[in-house]
Amino acid sequence: MAADKIEYTGKVYVYSSGMPADHVASAKEKLAEYGINMDDMIVIEVPEGVPEGCIMVTVWPHYLSVAKVKRVREGSIYAPQLFNIQM
């Protein structure tokens, strides 16, 4: 079990970034270890429609990049990275 919990309200957006479905499923399991309810995870194929203030997790081959969305403007998302989770 992970020592740190990810603090969030509402939904957590999981950006698949082209990873295969089984890798995204593993990422969701890993996020659940960090206290995110499976029902609160929304998997997205493209980083669009993500509300300001939410947590967005980008799935990469060997880690998950956890970021908080600060601004969304004209299809561009500014989301400073908070930390990485090793897969």
C-alpha atoms as a PDB file:
ATOM      1  CA  MET A   1       0.000   0.000   0.000  1.00  0.00           C
ATOM      2  CA  ALA A   2       1.275   3.454  -0.892  1.00  0.00           C
ATOM      3  CA  ALA A   3       2.238   5.763   1.949  1.00  0.00           C
ATOM      4  CA  ASP A   4       1.062   8.919   0.182  1.00  0.00           C
ATOM      5  CA  LYS A   5      -2.505   9.620  -0.859  1.00  0.00           C
ATOM      6  CA  ILE A   6      -3.398  11.845  -3.773  1.00  0.00           C
ATOM      7  CA  GLU A   7      -5.719  14.613  -2.625  1.00  0.00           C
ATOM      8  CA  TYR A   8      -8.470  15.397  -5.105  1.00  0.00           C
ATOM      9  CA  THR A   9     -12.071  16.472  -5.417  1.00  0.00           C
ATOM     10  CA  GLY A  10     -14.424  15.410  -8.189  1.00  0.00           C
ATOM     11  CA  LYS A  11     -12.912  13.350 -10.976  1.00  0.00           C
ATOM     12  CA  VAL A  12      -9.329  12.384 -11.805  1.00  0.00           C
ATOM     13  CA  TYR A  13      -8.505  12.425 -15.508  1.00  0.00           C
ATOM     14  CA  VAL A  14      -6.210   9.618 -16.680  1.00  0.00           C
ATOM     15  CA  TYR A  15      -4.630  10.544 -20.002  1.00  0.00           C
ATOM     16  CA  SER A  16      -3.711   7.277 -21.722  1.00  0.00           C
ATOM     17  CA  SER A  17      -1.172   8.957 -24.094  1.00  0.00           C
ATOM     18  CA  GLY A  18      -1.478   6.050 -26.536  1.00  0.00           C
ATOM     19  CA  MET A  19      -0.594   3.314 -24.055  1.00  0.00           C
ATOM     20  CA  PRO A  20      -2.242  -0.118 -24.507  1.00  0.00           C
ATOM     21  CA  ALA A  21      -5.430  -0.912 -22.556  1.00  0.00           C
ATOM     22  CA  ASP A  22      -3.712  -3.378 -20.194  1.00  0.00           C
ATOM     23  CA  HIS A  23      -1.123  -0.736 -19.238  1.00  0.00           C
ATOM     24  CA  VAL A  24      -3.895   1.816 -18.574  1.00  0.00           C
ATOM     25  CA  ALA A  25      -5.690  -0.792 -16.422  1.00  0.00           C
ATOM     26  CA  SER A  26      -2.469  -1.312 -14.414  1.00  0.00           C
ATOM     27  CA  ALA A  27      -2.175   2.462 -14.022  1.00  0.00           C
ATOM     28  CA  LYS A  28      -5.713   2.647 -12.628  1.00  0.00           C
ATOM     29  CA  GLU A  29      -4.896  -0.094 -10.108  1.00  0.00           C
ATOM     30  CA  LYS A  30      -1.768   1.809  -9.060  1.00  0.00           C
ATOM     31  CA  LEU A  31      -3.789   5.028  -8.633  1.00  0.00           C
ATOM     32  CA  ALA A  32      -6.284   3.139  -6.452  1.00  0.00           C
ATOM     33  CA  GLU A  33      -3.354   2.323  -4.132  1.00  0.00           C
ATOM     34  CA  TYR A  34      -2.887   6.090  -3.811  1.00  0.00           C
ATOM     35  CA  GLY A  35      -6.463   6.575  -2.620  1.00  0.00           C
ATOM     36  CA  ILE A  36      -8.270   7.384  -5.864  1.00  0.00           C
ATOM     37  CA  ASN A  37     -11.657   5.705  -6.192  1.00  0.00           C
ATOM     38  CA  MET A  38     -11.989   3.726  -9.453  1.00  0.00           C
ATOM     39  CA  ASP A  39     -15.373   5.399 -10.041  1.00  0.00           C
ATOM     40  CA  ASP A  40     -13.674   8.813  -9.958  1.00  0.00           C
ATOM     41  CA  MET A  41     -11.206   7.984 -12.758  1.00  0.00           C
ATOM     42  CA  ILE A  42     -12.021   9.119 -16.290  1.00  0.00           C
ATOM     43  CA  VAL A  43      -9.710   7.743 -18.975  1.00  0.00           C
ATOM     44  CA  ILE A  44      -9.183  10.190 -21.843  1.00  0.00           C
ATOM     45  CA  GLU A  45      -7.464   9.587 -25.192  1.00  0.00           C
ATOM     46  CA  VAL A  46      -6.652  13.248 -25.833  1.00  0.00           C
ATOM     47  CA  PRO A  47      -5.989  15.973 -23.247  1.00  0.00           C
ATOM     48  CA  GLU A  48      -9.177  17.930 -23.952  1.00  0.00           C
ATOM     49  CA  GLY A  49     -12.198  18.805 -21.851  1.00  0.00           C
ATOM     50  CA  VAL A  50     -10.246  18.666 -18.608  1.00  0.00           C
ATOM     51  CA  PRO A  51     -11.526  21.208 -16.056  1.00  0.00           C
ATOM     52  CA  GLU A  52      -9.251  23.637 -14.228  1.00  0.00           C
ATOM     53  CA  GLY A  53      -8.369  22.583 -10.696  1.00  0.00           C
ATOM     54  CA  CYS A  54      -8.612  18.846 -11.290  1.00  0.00           C
ATOM     55  CA  ILE A  55      -5.901  16.204 -11.078  1.00  0.00           C
ATOM     56  CA  MET A  56      -4.675  14.826 -14.400  1.00  0.00           C
ATOM     57  CA  VAL A  57      -2.468  11.733 -14.565  1.00  0.00           C
ATOM     58  CA  THR A  58      -0.502  11.007 -17.736  1.00  0.00           C
ATOM     59  CA  VAL A  59       0.315   7.342 -18.316  1.00  0.00           C
ATOM     60  CA  TRP A  60       3.855   6.666 -19.551  1.00  0.00           C
ATOM     61  CA  PRO A  61       5.600   3.307 -20.091  1.00  0.00           C
ATOM     62  CA  HIS A  62       7.413   3.246 -16.717  1.00  0.00           C
ATOM     63  CA  TYR A  63       5.686   5.860 -14.574  1.00  0.00           C
ATOM     64  CA  LEU A  64       2.584   7.979 -14.022  1.00  0.00           C
ATOM     65  CA  SER A  65       2.929  11.751 -14.055  1.00  0.00           C
ATOM     66  CA  VAL A  66       0.541  13.374 -11.563  1.00  0.00           C
ATOM     67  CA  ALA A  67      -0.282  17.028 -12.239  1.00  0.00           C
ATOM     68  CA  LYS A  68      -2.823  19.631 -11.137  1.00  0.00           C
ATOM     69  CA  VAL A  69      -4.518  21.529 -13.961  1.00  0.00           C
ATOM     70  CA  LYS A  70      -4.001  25.259 -13.415  1.00  0.00           C
ATOM     71  CA  ARG A  71      -5.297  26.703 -16.690  1.00  0.00           C
ATOM     72  CA  VAL A  72      -7.098  25.520 -19.784  1.00  0.00           C
ATOM     73  CA  ARG A  73      -7.033  27.941 -22.695  1.00  0.00           C
ATOM     74  CA  GLU A  74      -7.827  27.346 -26.376  1.00  0.00           C
ATOM     75  CA  GLY A  75      -7.162  23.612 -26.230  1.00  0.00           C
ATOM     76  CA  SER A  76      -3.916  24.012 -24.286  1.00  0.00           C
ATOM     77  CA  ILE A  77      -3.553  22.702 -20.751  1.00  0.00           C
ATOM     78  CA  TYR A  78      -1.127  24.153 -18.209  1.00  0.00           C
ATOM     79  CA  ALA A  79      -0.706  21.502 -15.526  1.00  0.00           C
ATOM     80  CA  PRO A  80       2.456  21.642 -13.395  1.00  0.00           C
ATOM     81  CA  GLN A  81       3.672  18.200 -12.401  1.00  0.00           C
ATOM     82  CA  LEU A  82       3.284  17.367  -8.716  1.00  0.00           C
ATOM     83  CA  PHE A  83       5.197  14.065  -8.674  1.00  0.00           C
ATOM     84  CA  ASN A  84       5.718  10.747 -10.481  1.00  0.00           C
ATOM     85  CA  ILE A  85       4.586   7.279  -9.476  1.00  0.00           C
ATOM     86  CA  GLN A  86       6.791   4.413 -10.625  1.00  0.00           C
ATOM     87  CA  MET A  87       4.965   1.584 -12.362  1.00  0.00           C
END
